[in-house]
Amino acid sequence: MSKTVLIVDDEADALAIAVLALQMKTDWILLQASSGHQALEIILEQKPDLILLDMMMPDMDGRATLKKIREKYDSQALPVILVTAKVQPISQTGIDPNDVTTVFIKPFRPLELADQIRTVLGWSN
């Protein structure tokens, strides 16, 4: 059965690159959101297997979105990979390390993205 991945990023180019990179290397169902609010709606409707969440977004940033995901959906088991351009320890972000699966640094290498996700989550397909 194919995995469903929600990619959340307010930058259209970054969103398009991530989608294209995963389309080339997987058969996953790829959902897209350009804001935290949109992501919350999609999570409720689609129940993704993974969320790739951009940290820096206007209005509702990755930190606020993650907090809402964990509060609203009792989804501690839902893997969330933070994607950020700011290289800093998770402890300095104000995010509970237990709330995220891992952090990927932007810019990521598009051709390696699918394999990085598979490795982190132990997915075989």
PDB file of N, CA and C in Angstrom:
ATOM      1  N   MET A   1       0.840  -1.186   0.000  1.00  0.00           N
ATOM      2  CA  MET A   1       0.000   0.000   0.000  1.00  0.00           C
ATOM      3  C   MET A   1       0.884   1.249   0.000  1.00  0.00           C
ATOM      4  N   SER A   2       0.516   2.199  -0.806  1.00  0.00           N
ATOM      5  CA  SER A   2       1.313   3.410  -0.956  1.00  0.00           C
ATOM      6  C   SER A   2       1.180   4.320   0.263  1.00  0.00           C
ATOM      7  N   LYS A   3       2.248   5.011   0.586  1.00  0.00           N
ATOM      8  CA  LYS A   3       2.264   5.965   1.686  1.00  0.00           C
ATOM      9  C   LYS A   3       1.703   7.301   1.215  1.00  0.00           C
ATOM     10  N   THR A   4       1.153   8.057   2.157  1.00  0.00           N
ATOM     11  CA  THR A   4       0.664   9.398   1.870  1.00  0.00           C
ATOM     12  C   THR A   4       1.517  10.387   2.649  1.00  0.00           C
ATOM     13  N   VAL A   5       2.086  11.355   1.928  1.00  0.00           N
ATOM     14  CA  VAL A   5       2.981  12.335   2.526  1.00  0.00           C
ATOM     15  C   VAL A   5       2.417  13.731   2.285  1.00  0.00           C
ATOM     16  N   LEU A   6       2.314  14.496   3.352  1.00  0.00           N
ATOM     17  CA  LEU A   6       1.882  15.888   3.264  1.00  0.00           C
ATOM     18  C   LEU A   6       3.122  16.776   3.343  1.00  0.00           C
ATOM     19  N   ILE A   7       3.313  17.603   2.327  1.00  0.00           N
ATOM     20  CA  ILE A   7       4.439  18.535   2.291  1.00  0.00           C
ATOM     21  C   ILE A   7       3.875  19.927   2.550  1.00  0.00           C
ATOM     22  N   VAL A   8       4.392  20.584   3.594  1.00  0.00           N
ATOM     23  CA  VAL A   8       3.901  21.897   3.992  1.00  0.00           C
ATOM     24  C   VAL A   8       5.035  22.900   3.850  1.00  0.00           C
ATOM     25  N   ASP A   9       4.853  23.853   2.934  1.00  0.00           N
ATOM     26  CA  ASP A   9       5.866  24.890   2.720  1.00  0.00           C
ATOM     27  C   ASP A   9       5.193  26.079   2.060  1.00  0.00           C
ATOM     28  N   ASP A  10       5.476  27.285   2.560  1.00  0.00           N
ATOM     29  CA  ASP A  10       4.876  28.485   1.983  1.00  0.00           C
ATOM     30  C   ASP A  10       5.602  28.950   0.719  1.00  0.00           C
ATOM     31  N   GLU A  11       6.799  28.446   0.483  1.00  0.00           N
ATOM     32  CA  GLU A  11       7.552  28.810  -0.717  1.00  0.00           C
ATOM     33  C   GLU A  11       7.176  27.863  -1.851  1.00  0.00           C
ATOM     34  N   ALA A  12       6.562  28.408  -2.890  1.00  0.00           N
ATOM     35  CA  ALA A  12       6.083  27.584  -4.007  1.00  0.00           C
ATOM     36  C   ALA A  12       7.205  26.779  -4.653  1.00  0.00           C
ATOM     37  N   ASP A  13       8.391  27.383  -4.805  1.00  0.00           N
ATOM     38  CA  ASP A  13       9.514  26.672  -5.434  1.00  0.00           C
ATOM     39  C   ASP A  13       9.970  25.493  -4.585  1.00  0.00           C
ATOM     40  N   ALA A  14      10.091  25.709  -3.287  1.00  0.00           N
ATOM     41  CA  ALA A  14      10.525  24.631  -2.391  1.00  0.00           C
ATOM     42  C   ALA A  14       9.498  23.493  -2.385  1.00  0.00           C
ATOM     43  N   LEU A  15       8.229  23.854  -2.393  1.00  0.00           N
ATOM     44  CA  LEU A  15       7.156  22.857  -2.428  1.00  0.00           C
ATOM     45  C   LEU A  15       7.223  22.050  -3.722  1.00  0.00           C
ATOM     46  N   ALA A  16       7.395  22.748  -4.837  1.00  0.00           N
ATOM     47  CA  ALA A  16       7.460  22.080  -6.145  1.00  0.00           C
ATOM     48  C   ALA A  16       8.668  21.151  -6.243  1.00  0.00           C
ATOM     49  N   ILE A  17       9.807  21.579  -5.714  1.00  0.00           N
ATOM     50  CA  ILE A  17      11.024  20.748  -5.763  1.00  0.00           C
ATOM     51  C   ILE A  17      10.830  19.480  -4.940  1.00  0.00           C
ATOM     52  N   ALA A  18      10.262  19.611  -3.741  1.00  0.00           N
ATOM     53  CA  ALA A  18      10.038  18.437  -2.894  1.00  0.00           C
ATOM     54  C   ALA A  18       9.070  17.462  -3.562  1.00  0.00           C
ATOM     55  N   VAL A  19       7.992  17.995  -4.120  1.00  0.00           N
ATOM     56  CA  VAL A  19       7.001  17.140  -4.792  1.00  0.00           C
ATOM     57  C   VAL A  19       7.644  16.417  -5.973  1.00  0.00           C
ATOM     58  N   LEU A  20       8.355  17.149  -6.801  1.00  0.00           N
ATOM     59  CA  LEU A  20       8.997  16.549  -7.974  1.00  0.00           C
ATOM     60  C   LEU A  20      10.014  15.488  -7.562  1.00  0.00           C
ATOM     61  N   ALA A  21      10.809  15.793  -6.552  1.00  0.00           N
ATOM     62  CA  ALA A  21      11.829  14.845  -6.080  1.00  0.00           C
ATOM     63  C   ALA A  21      11.184  13.546  -5.612  1.00  0.00           C
ATOM     64  N   LEU A  22      10.083  13.647  -4.882  1.00  0.00           N
ATOM     65  CA  LEU A  22       9.419  12.438  -4.369  1.00  0.00           C
ATOM     66  C   LEU A  22       8.652  11.715  -5.468  1.00  0.00           C
ATOM     67  N   GLN A  23       8.094  12.453  -6.434  1.00  0.00           N
ATOM     68  CA  GLN A  23       7.400  11.807  -7.553  1.00  0.00           C
ATOM     69  C   GLN A  23       8.356  10.961  -8.380  1.00  0.00           C
ATOM     70  N   MET A  24       9.582  11.447  -8.532  1.00  0.00           N
ATOM     71  CA  MET A  24      10.575  10.738  -9.349  1.00  0.00           C
ATOM     72  C   MET A  24      11.026   9.435  -8.710  1.00  0.00           C
ATOM     73  N   LYS A  25      11.007   9.356  -7.389  1.00  0.00           N
ATOM     74  CA  LYS A  25      11.617   8.222  -6.692  1.00  0.00           C
ATOM     75  C   LYS A  25      10.638   7.329  -5.931  1.00  0.00           C
ATOM     76  N   THR A  26       9.350   7.717  -5.898  1.00  0.00           N
ATOM     77  CA  THR A  26       8.392   6.939  -5.113  1.00  0.00           C
ATOM     78  C   THR A  26       7.060   6.826  -5.837  1.00  0.00           C
ATOM     79  N   ASP A  27       6.199   5.986  -5.273  1.00  0.00           N
ATOM     80  CA  ASP A  27       4.818   5.932  -5.743  1.00  0.00           C
ATOM     81  C   ASP A  27       3.890   6.497  -4.662  1.00  0.00           C
ATOM     82  N   TRP A  28       4.445   7.286  -3.758  1.00  0.00           N
ATOM     83  CA  TRP A  28       3.674   7.843  -2.655  1.00  0.00           C
ATOM     84  C   TRP A  28       2.638   8.831  -3.156  1.00  0.00           C
ATOM     85  N   ILE A  29       1.566   8.930  -2.418  1.00  0.00           N
ATOM     86  CA  ILE A  29       0.551   9.952  -2.670  1.00  0.00           C
ATOM     87  C   ILE A  29       1.055  11.220  -1.999  1.00  0.00           C
ATOM     88  N   LEU A  30       1.179  12.293  -2.767  1.00  0.00           N
ATOM     89  CA  LEU A  30       1.761  13.526  -2.259  1.00  0.00           C
ATOM     90  C   LEU A  30       0.696  14.614  -2.144  1.00  0.00           C
ATOM     91  N   LEU A  31       0.523  15.092  -0.938  1.00  0.00           N
ATOM     92  CA  LEU A  31      -0.417  16.180  -0.663  1.00  0.00           C
ATOM     93  C   LEU A  31       0.397  17.434  -0.410  1.00  0.00           C
ATOM     94  N   GLN A  32      -0.182  18.590  -0.735  1.00  0.00           N
ATOM     95  CA  GLN A  32       0.548  19.846  -0.593  1.00  0.00           C
ATOM     96  C   GLN A  32      -0.268  20.864   0.185  1.00  0.00           C
ATOM     97  N   ALA A  33       0.434  21.606   1.036  1.00  0.00           N
ATOM     98  CA  ALA A  33      -0.188  22.717   1.763  1.00  0.00           C
ATOM     99  C   ALA A  33       0.799  23.871   1.772  1.00  0.00           C
ATOM    100  N   SER A  34       0.286  25.076   1.601  1.00  0.00           N
ATOM    101  CA  SER A  34       1.157  26.248   1.579  1.00  0.00           C
ATOM    102  C   SER A  34       1.078  27.053   2.874  1.00  0.00           C
ATOM    103  N   SER A  35       0.347  26.518   3.869  1.00  0.00           N
ATOM    104  CA  SER A  35       0.249  27.191   5.169  1.00  0.00           C
ATOM    105  C   SER A  35      -0.061  26.164   6.252  1.00  0.00           C
ATOM    106  N   GLY A  36       0.175  26.562   7.482  1.00  0.00           N
ATOM    107  CA  GLY A  36      -0.155  25.694   8.607  1.00  0.00           C
ATOM    108  C   GLY A  36      -1.644  25.429   8.693  1.00  0.00           C
ATOM    109  N   HIS A  37      -2.451  26.465   8.443  1.00  0.00           N
ATOM    110  CA  HIS A  37      -3.909  26.299   8.502  1.00  0.00           C
ATOM    111  C   HIS A  37      -4.387  25.279   7.466  1.00  0.00           C
ATOM    112  N   GLN A  38      -3.865  25.398   6.265  1.00  0.00           N
ATOM    113  CA  GLN A  38      -4.234  24.463   5.197  1.00  0.00           C
ATOM    114  C   GLN A  38      -3.787  23.048   5.563  1.00  0.00           C
ATOM    115  N   ALA A  39      -2.607  22.925   6.151  1.00  0.00           N
ATOM    116  CA  ALA A  39      -2.099  21.615   6.551  1.00  0.00           C
ATOM    117  C   ALA A  39      -3.032  20.947   7.554  1.00  0.00           C
ATOM    118  N   LEU A  40      -3.515  21.711   8.526  1.00  0.00           N
ATOM    119  CA  LEU A  40      -4.406  21.145   9.541  1.00  0.00           C
ATOM    120  C   LEU A  40      -5.687  20.597   8.915  1.00  0.00           C
ATOM    121  N   GLU A  41      -6.224  21.304   7.931  1.00  0.00           N
ATOM    122  CA  GLU A  41      -7.432  20.833   7.234  1.00  0.00           C
ATOM    123  C   GLU A  41      -7.148  19.536   6.482  1.00  0.00           C
ATOM    124  N   ILE A  42      -6.020  19.494   5.799  1.00  0.00           N
ATOM    125  CA  ILE A  42      -5.665  18.312   5.008  1.00  0.00           C
ATOM    126  C   ILE A  42      -5.428  17.107   5.918  1.00  0.00           C
ATOM    127  N   ILE A  43      -4.766  17.333   7.045  1.00  0.00           N
ATOM    128  CA  ILE A  43      -4.500  16.234   7.988  1.00  0.00           C
ATOM    129  C   ILE A  43      -5.815  15.619   8.460  1.00  0.00           C
ATOM    130  N   LEU A  44      -6.783  16.453   8.754  1.00  0.00           N
ATOM    131  CA  LEU A  44      -8.079  15.983   9.225  1.00  0.00           C
ATOM    132  C   LEU A  44      -8.784  15.144   8.157  1.00  0.00           C
ATOM    133  N   GLU A  45      -8.692  15.581   6.904  1.00  0.00           N
ATOM    134  CA  GLU A  45      -9.393  14.910   5.803  1.00  0.00           C
ATOM    135  C   GLU A  45      -8.646  13.693   5.268  1.00  0.00           C
ATOM    136  N   GLN A  46      -7.336  13.781   5.159  1.00  0.00           N
ATOM    137  CA  GLN A  46      -6.570  12.776   4.422  1.00  0.00           C
ATOM    138  C   GLN A  46      -5.790  11.773   5.278  1.00  0.00           C
ATOM    139  N   LYS A  47      -5.510  12.104   6.528  1.00  0.00           N
ATOM    140  CA  LYS A  47      -4.749  11.210   7.419  1.00  0.00           C
ATOM    141  C   LYS A  47      -3.428  10.742   6.794  1.00  0.00           C
ATOM    142  N   PRO A  48      -2.479  11.660   6.575  1.00  0.00           N
ATOM    143  CA  PRO A  48      -1.203  11.266   5.956  1.00  0.00           C
ATOM    144  C   PRO A  48      -0.365  10.361   6.863  1.00  0.00           C
ATOM    145  N   ASP A  49       0.580   9.671   6.242  1.00  0.00           N
ATOM    146  CA  ASP A  49       1.514   8.809   6.974  1.00  0.00           C
ATOM    147  C   ASP A  49       2.737   9.587   7.452  1.00  0.00           C
ATOM    148  N   LEU A  50       2.955  10.760   6.875  1.00  0.00           N
ATOM    149  CA  LEU A  50       4.115  11.594   7.208  1.00  0.00           C
ATOM    150  C   LEU A  50       3.806  13.039   6.853  1.00  0.00           C
ATOM    151  N   ILE A  51       4.358  13.950   7.660  1.00  0.00           N
ATOM    152  CA  ILE A  51       4.281  15.372   7.341  1.00  0.00           C
ATOM    153  C   ILE A  51       5.704  15.908   7.245  1.00  0.00           C
ATOM    154  N   LEU A  52       6.018  16.517   6.102  1.00  0.00           N
ATOM    155  CA  LEU A  52       7.262  17.278   5.930  1.00  0.00           C
ATOM    156  C   LEU A  52       6.871  18.725   6.176  1.00  0.00           C
ATOM    157  N   LEU A  53       7.321  19.302   7.259  1.00  0.00           N
ATOM    158  CA  LEU A  53       6.827  20.595   7.722  1.00  0.00           C
ATOM    159  C   LEU A  53       7.917  21.656   7.722  1.00  0.00           C
ATOM    160  N   ASP A  54       7.706  22.698   6.926  1.00  0.00           N
ATOM    161  CA  ASP A  54       8.625  23.828   6.897  1.00  0.00           C
ATOM    162  C   ASP A  54       8.540  24.584   8.214  1.00  0.00           C
ATOM    163  N   MET A  55       9.677  24.954   8.748  1.00  0.00           N
ATOM    164  CA  MET A  55       9.720  25.653  10.032  1.00  0.00           C
ATOM    165  C   MET A  55       9.339  27.128   9.903  1.00  0.00           C
ATOM    166  N   MET A  56       9.846  27.788   8.870  1.00  0.00           N
ATOM    167  CA  MET A  56       9.661  29.229   8.717  1.00  0.00           C
ATOM    168  C   MET A  56       8.535  29.529   7.730  1.00  0.00           C
ATOM    169  N   MET A  57       7.365  29.874   8.277  1.00  0.00           N
ATOM    170  CA  MET A  57       6.220  30.256   7.451  1.00  0.00           C
ATOM    171  C   MET A  57       5.556  31.455   8.108  1.00  0.00           C
ATOM    172  N   PRO A  58       4.957  32.320   7.305  1.00  0.00           N
ATOM    173  CA  PRO A  58       4.244  33.458   7.895  1.00  0.00           C
ATOM    174  C   PRO A  58       2.946  32.993   8.549  1.00  0.00           C
ATOM    175  N   ASP A  59       2.378  33.836   9.370  1.00  0.00           N
ATOM    176  CA  ASP A  59       1.113  33.584  10.043  1.00  0.00           C
ATOM    177  C   ASP A  59       1.249  32.466  11.077  1.00  0.00           C
ATOM    178  N   MET A  60       1.230  31.226  10.640  1.00  0.00           N
ATOM    179  CA  MET A  60       1.383  30.090  11.550  1.00  0.00           C
ATOM    180  C   MET A  60       2.638  29.337  11.137  1.00  0.00           C
ATOM    181  N   ASP A  61       3.719  29.510  11.906  1.00  0.00           N
ATOM    182  CA  ASP A  61       4.988  28.865  11.535  1.00  0.00           C
ATOM    183  C   ASP A  61       4.953  27.369  11.869  1.00  0.00           C
ATOM    184  N   GLY A  62       6.056  26.703  11.578  1.00  0.00           N
ATOM    185  CA  GLY A  62       6.126  25.257  11.805  1.00  0.00           C
ATOM    186  C   GLY A  62       5.931  24.873  13.255  1.00  0.00           C
ATOM    187  N   ARG A  63       6.471  25.682  14.162  1.00  0.00           N
ATOM    188  CA  ARG A  63       6.337  25.416  15.596  1.00  0.00           C
ATOM    189  C   ARG A  63       4.861  25.439  16.009  1.00  0.00           C
ATOM    190  N   ALA A  64       4.127  26.482  15.585  1.00  0.00           N
ATOM    191  CA  ALA A  64       2.708  26.602  15.927  1.00  0.00           C
ATOM    192  C   ALA A  64       1.884  25.510  15.253  1.00  0.00           C
ATOM    193  N   THR A  65       2.225  25.196  14.015  1.00  0.00           N
ATOM    194  CA  THR A  65       1.512  24.140  13.289  1.00  0.00           C
ATOM    195  C   THR A  65       1.712  22.791  13.978  1.00  0.00           C
ATOM    196  N   LEU A  66       2.949  22.496  14.343  1.00  0.00           N
ATOM    197  CA  LEU A  66       3.253  21.245  15.030  1.00  0.00           C
ATOM    198  C   LEU A  66       2.479  21.143  16.345  1.00  0.00           C
ATOM    199  N   LYS A  67       2.433  22.232  17.089  1.00  0.00           N
ATOM    200  CA  LYS A  67       1.710  22.241  18.359  1.00  0.00           C
ATOM    201  C   LYS A  67       0.233  21.916  18.141  1.00  0.00           C
ATOM    202  N   LYS A  68      -0.364  22.535  17.115  1.00  0.00           N
ATOM    203  CA  LYS A  68      -1.787  22.278  16.797  1.00  0.00           C
ATOM    204  C   LYS A  68      -1.997  20.832  16.353  1.00  0.00           C
ATOM    205  N   ILE A  69      -1.079  20.304  15.572  1.00  0.00           N
ATOM    206  CA  ILE A  69      -1.184  18.907  15.118  1.00  0.00           C
ATOM    207  C   ILE A  69      -1.215  17.990  16.337  1.00  0.00           C
ATOM    208  N   ARG A  70      -0.285  18.196  17.245  1.00  0.00           N
ATOM    209  CA  ARG A  70      -0.190  17.328  18.424  1.00  0.00           C
ATOM    210  C   ARG A  70      -1.388  17.501  19.358  1.00  0.00           C
ATOM    211  N   GLU A  71      -1.920  18.709  19.471  1.00  0.00           N
ATOM    212  CA  GLU A  71      -3.084  18.947  20.334  1.00  0.00           C
ATOM    213  C   GLU A  71      -4.366  18.405  19.721  1.00  0.00           C
ATOM    214  N   LYS A  72      -4.566  18.746  18.456  1.00  0.00           N
ATOM    215  CA  LYS A  72      -5.850  18.499  17.801  1.00  0.00           C
ATOM    216  C   LYS A  72      -6.086  17.048  17.428  1.00  0.00           C
ATOM    217  N   TYR A  73      -5.064  16.374  17.003  1.00  0.00           N
ATOM    218  CA  TYR A  73      -5.272  15.069  16.391  1.00  0.00           C
ATOM    219  C   TYR A  73      -4.763  13.916  17.229  1.00  0.00           C
ATOM    220  N   ASP A  74      -4.284  14.227  18.444  1.00  0.00           N
ATOM    221  CA  ASP A  74      -3.753  13.160  19.285  1.00  0.00           C
ATOM    222  C   ASP A  74      -2.895  12.238  18.424  1.00  0.00           C
ATOM    223  N   SER A  75      -2.027  12.883  17.676  1.00  0.00           N
ATOM    224  CA  SER A  75      -1.300  12.165  16.629  1.00  0.00           C
ATOM    225  C   SER A  75       0.178  12.009  16.967  1.00  0.00           C
ATOM    226  N   GLN A  76       0.477  11.644  18.169  1.00  0.00           N
ATOM    227  CA  GLN A  76       1.866  11.470  18.565  1.00  0.00           C
ATOM    228  C   GLN A  76       2.566  10.449  17.670  1.00  0.00           C
ATOM    229  N   ALA A  77       1.811   9.495  17.166  1.00  0.00           N
ATOM    230  CA  ALA A  77       2.401   8.468  16.306  1.00  0.00           C
ATOM    231  C   ALA A  77       2.622   8.965  14.875  1.00  0.00           C
ATOM    232  N   LEU A  78       2.034  10.100  14.515  1.00  0.00           N
ATOM    233  CA  LEU A  78       2.184  10.640  13.167  1.00  0.00           C
ATOM    234  C   LEU A  78       3.574  11.261  13.014  1.00  0.00           C
ATOM    235  N   PRO A  79       4.416  10.691  12.156  1.00  0.00           N
ATOM    236  CA  PRO A  79       5.762  11.241  11.991  1.00  0.00           C
ATOM    237  C   PRO A  79       5.730  12.639  11.376  1.00  0.00           C
ATOM    238  N   VAL A  80       6.517  13.536  11.952  1.00  0.00           N
ATOM    239  CA  VAL A  80       6.684  14.885  11.424  1.00  0.00           C
ATOM    240  C   VAL A  80       8.181  15.142  11.280  1.00  0.00           C
ATOM    241  N   ILE A  81       8.583  15.477  10.054  1.00  0.00           N
ATOM    242  CA  ILE A  81       9.964  15.861   9.791  1.00  0.00           C
ATOM    243  C   ILE A  81       9.971  17.362   9.554  1.00  0.00           C
ATOM    244  N   LEU A  82      10.673  18.089  10.421  1.00  0.00           N
ATOM    245  CA  LEU A  82      10.809  19.527  10.243  1.00  0.00           C
ATOM    246  C   LEU A  82      11.841  19.806   9.167  1.00  0.00           C
ATOM    247  N   VAL A  83      11.546  20.795   8.332  1.00  0.00           N
ATOM    248  CA  VAL A  83      12.475  21.206   7.287  1.00  0.00           C
ATOM    249  C   VAL A  83      12.787  22.678   7.543  1.00  0.00           C
ATOM    250  N   THR A  84      14.064  22.989   7.731  1.00  0.00           N
ATOM    251  CA  THR A  84      14.427  24.354   8.085  1.00  0.00           C
ATOM    252  C   THR A  84      15.763  24.764   7.487  1.00  0.00           C
ATOM    253  N   ALA A  85      15.896  26.043   7.223  1.00  0.00           N
ATOM    254  CA  ALA A  85      17.155  26.589   6.746  1.00  0.00           C
ATOM    255  C   ALA A  85      18.039  27.009   7.913  1.00  0.00           C
ATOM    256  N   LYS A  86      17.454  27.121   9.093  1.00  0.00           N
ATOM    257  CA  LYS A  86      18.210  27.538  10.272  1.00  0.00           C
ATOM    258  C   LYS A  86      18.838  26.331  10.933  1.00  0.00           C
ATOM    259  N   VAL A  87      20.148  26.304  10.937  1.00  0.00           N
ATOM    260  CA  VAL A  87      20.861  25.199  11.553  1.00  0.00           C
ATOM    261  C   VAL A  87      21.067  25.529  13.024  1.00  0.00           C
ATOM    262  N   GLN A  88      20.286  24.861  13.861  1.00  0.00           N
ATOM    263  CA  GLN A  88      20.414  25.039  15.307  1.00  0.00           C
ATOM    264  C   GLN A  88      19.893  23.789  15.993  1.00  0.00           C
ATOM    265  N   PRO A  89      20.378  23.519  17.185  1.00  0.00           N
ATOM    266  CA  PRO A  89      19.868  22.353  17.905  1.00  0.00           C
ATOM    267  C   PRO A  89      18.368  22.493  18.162  1.00  0.00           C
ATOM    268  N   ILE A  90      17.664  21.382  18.104  1.00  0.00           N
ATOM    269  CA  ILE A  90      16.212  21.394  18.322  1.00  0.00           C
ATOM    270  C   ILE A  90      15.866  22.015  19.667  1.00  0.00           C
ATOM    271  N   SER A  91      16.747  21.870  20.640  1.00  0.00           N
ATOM    272  CA  SER A  91      16.491  22.424  21.966  1.00  0.00           C
ATOM    273  C   SER A  91      16.383  23.946  21.942  1.00  0.00           C
ATOM    274  N   GLN A  92      16.962  24.587  20.935  1.00  0.00           N
ATOM    275  CA  GLN A  92      16.902  26.048  20.842  1.00  0.00           C
ATOM    276  C   GLN A  92      15.714  26.541  20.035  1.00  0.00           C
ATOM    277  N   THR A  93      14.903  25.638  19.520  1.00  0.00           N
ATOM    278  CA  THR A  93      13.763  26.045  18.699  1.00  0.00           C
ATOM    279  C   THR A  93      12.485  26.205  19.504  1.00  0.00           C
ATOM    280  N   GLY A  94      12.484  25.744  20.745  1.00  0.00           N
ATOM    281  CA  GLY A  94      11.262  25.777  21.531  1.00  0.00           C
ATOM    282  C   GLY A  94      10.337  24.613  21.215  1.00  0.00           C
ATOM    283  N   ILE A  95      10.840  23.635  20.499  1.00  0.00           N
ATOM    284  CA  ILE A  95      10.045  22.463  20.120  1.00  0.00           C
ATOM    285  C   ILE A  95      10.479  21.276  20.961  1.00  0.00           C
ATOM    286  N   ASP A  96       9.513  20.532  21.445  1.00  0.00           N
ATOM    287  CA  ASP A  96       9.802  19.318  22.197  1.00  0.00           C
ATOM    288  C   ASP A  96      10.382  18.287  21.223  1.00  0.00           C
ATOM    289  N   PRO A  97      11.599  17.805  21.471  1.00  0.00           N
ATOM    290  CA  PRO A  97      12.216  16.833  20.565  1.00  0.00           C
ATOM    291  C   PRO A  97      11.364  15.576  20.368  1.00  0.00           C
ATOM    292  N   ASN A  98      10.499  15.262  21.332  1.00  0.00           N
ATOM    293  CA  ASN A  98       9.621  14.100  21.196  1.00  0.00           C
ATOM    294  C   ASN A  98       8.512  14.319  20.177  1.00  0.00           C
ATOM    295  N   ASP A  99       8.289  15.586  19.782  1.00  0.00           N
ATOM    296  CA  ASP A  99       7.216  15.894  18.837  1.00  0.00           C
ATOM    297  C   ASP A  99       7.634  15.777  17.377  1.00  0.00           C
ATOM    298  N   VAL A 100       8.940  15.653  17.133  1.00  0.00           N
ATOM    299  CA  VAL A 100       9.409  15.543  15.750  1.00  0.00           C
ATOM    300  C   VAL A 100      10.212  14.261  15.568  1.00  0.00           C
ATOM    301  N   THR A 101      10.131  13.725  14.373  1.00  0.00           N
ATOM    302  CA  THR A 101      10.870  12.513  14.056  1.00  0.00           C
ATOM    303  C   THR A 101      12.338  12.857  13.818  1.00  0.00           C
ATOM    304  N   THR A 102      12.568  13.897  13.041  1.00  0.00           N
ATOM    305  CA  THR A 102      13.922  14.389  12.772  1.00  0.00           C
ATOM    306  C   THR A 102      13.812  15.764  12.136  1.00  0.00           C
ATOM    307  N   VAL A 103      14.956  16.347  11.833  1.00  0.00           N
ATOM    308  CA  VAL A 103      15.013  17.650  11.171  1.00  0.00           C
ATOM    309  C   VAL A 103      15.877  17.508   9.923  1.00  0.00           C
ATOM    310  N   PHE A 104      15.357  18.001   8.792  1.00  0.00           N
ATOM    311  CA  PHE A 104      16.136  18.066   7.556  1.00  0.00           C
ATOM    312  C   PHE A 104      16.499  19.524   7.328  1.00  0.00           C
ATOM    313  N   ILE A 105      17.730  19.762   6.914  1.00  0.00           N
ATOM    314  CA  ILE A 105      18.207  21.118   6.675  1.00  0.00           C
ATOM    315  C   ILE A 105      18.006  21.494   5.208  1.00  0.00           C
ATOM    316  N   LYS A 106      17.463  22.698   4.984  1.00  0.00           N
ATOM    317  CA  LYS A 106      17.341  23.252   3.633  1.00  0.00           C
ATOM    318  C   LYS A 106      18.645  23.952   3.284  1.00  0.00           C
ATOM    319  N   PRO A 107      19.046  23.962   2.055  1.00  0.00           N
ATOM    320  CA  PRO A 107      18.389  23.230   0.980  1.00  0.00           C
ATOM    321  C   PRO A 107      18.763  21.751   1.051  1.00  0.00           C
ATOM    322  N   PHE A 108      17.769  20.903   0.906  1.00  0.00           N
ATOM    323  CA  PHE A 108      18.032  19.468   0.904  1.00  0.00           C
ATOM    324  C   PHE A 108      18.392  19.048  -0.507  1.00  0.00           C
ATOM    325  N   ARG A 109      18.946  17.878  -0.625  1.00  0.00           N
ATOM    326  CA  ARG A 109      19.296  17.343  -1.940  1.00  0.00           C
ATOM    327  C   ARG A 109      18.086  16.580  -2.466  1.00  0.00           C
ATOM    328  N   PRO A 110      17.424  17.132  -3.481  1.00  0.00           N
ATOM    329  CA  PRO A 110      16.170  16.536  -3.962  1.00  0.00           C
ATOM    330  C   PRO A 110      16.272  15.050  -4.305  1.00  0.00           C
ATOM    331  N   LEU A 111      17.357  14.653  -4.943  1.00  0.00           N
ATOM    332  CA  LEU A 111      17.473  13.258  -5.370  1.00  0.00           C
ATOM    333  C   LEU A 111      17.708  12.306  -4.199  1.00  0.00           C
ATOM    334  N   GLU A 112      18.034  12.841  -3.035  1.00  0.00           N
ATOM    335  CA  GLU A 112      18.263  12.009  -1.855  1.00  0.00           C
ATOM    336  C   GLU A 112      17.094  12.041  -0.879  1.00  0.00           C
ATOM    337  N   LEU A 113      16.127  12.915  -1.116  1.00  0.00           N
ATOM    338  CA  LEU A 113      15.035  13.124  -0.164  1.00  0.00           C
ATOM    339  C   LEU A 113      14.249  11.846   0.134  1.00  0.00           C
ATOM    340  N   ALA A 114      13.838  11.125  -0.886  1.00  0.00           N
ATOM    341  CA  ALA A 114      13.046   9.909  -0.676  1.00  0.00           C
ATOM    342  C   ALA A 114      13.817   8.879   0.143  1.00  0.00           C
ATOM    343  N   ASP A 115      15.090   8.701  -0.184  1.00  0.00           N
ATOM    344  CA  ASP A 115      15.905   7.726   0.551  1.00  0.00           C
ATOM    345  C   ASP A 115      16.124   8.163   2.001  1.00  0.00           C
ATOM    346  N   GLN A 116      16.291   9.472   2.221  1.00  0.00           N
ATOM    347  CA  GLN A 116      16.443   9.971   3.592  1.00  0.00           C
ATOM    348  C   GLN A 116      15.181   9.686   4.405  1.00  0.00           C
ATOM    349  N   ILE A 117      14.030   9.908   3.803  1.00  0.00           N
ATOM    350  CA  ILE A 117      12.759   9.647   4.491  1.00  0.00           C
ATOM    351  C   ILE A 117      12.633   8.157   4.783  1.00  0.00           C
ATOM    352  N   ARG A 118      12.903   7.321   3.786  1.00  0.00           N
ATOM    353  CA  ARG A 118      12.813   5.862   3.990  1.00  0.00           C
ATOM    354  C   ARG A 118      13.719   5.416   5.127  1.00  0.00           C
ATOM    355  N   THR A 119      14.935   5.939   5.159  1.00  0.00           N
ATOM    356  CA  THR A 119      15.899   5.558   6.206  1.00  0.00           C
ATOM    357  C   THR A 119      15.407   5.962   7.586  1.00  0.00           C
ATOM    358  N   VAL A 120      14.966   7.198   7.722  1.00  0.00           N
ATOM    359  CA  VAL A 120      14.516   7.722   9.017  1.00  0.00           C
ATOM    360  C   VAL A 120      13.306   6.949   9.526  1.00  0.00           C
ATOM    361  N   LEU A 121      12.374   6.632   8.631  1.00  0.00           N
ATOM    362  CA  LEU A 121      11.122   5.991   9.049  1.00  0.00           C
ATOM    363  C   LEU A 121      11.132   4.465   8.919  1.00  0.00           C
ATOM    364  N   GLY A 122      12.184   3.915   8.307  1.00  0.00           N
ATOM    365  CA  GLY A 122      12.243   2.471   8.133  1.00  0.00           C
ATOM    366  C   GLY A 122      11.251   1.970   7.090  1.00  0.00           C
ATOM    367  N   TRP A 123      10.900   2.828   6.137  1.00  0.00           N
ATOM    368  CA  TRP A 123       9.978   2.436   5.079  1.00  0.00           C
ATOM    369  C   TRP A 123      10.747   1.690   3.998  1.00  0.00           C
ATOM    370  N   SER A 124      10.162   0.628   3.495  1.00  0.00           N
ATOM    371  CA  SER A 124      10.833  -0.131   2.442  1.00  0.00           C
ATOM    372  C   SER A 124      10.409   0.300   1.054  1.00  0.00           C
ATOM    373  N   ASN A 125       9.250   0.931   0.927  1.00  0.00           N
ATOM    374  CA  ASN A 125       8.815   1.337  -0.428  1.00  0.00           C
ATOM    375  C   ASN A 125       8.823   2.831  -0.595  1.00  0.00           C
TER     376      ASN A 125
END
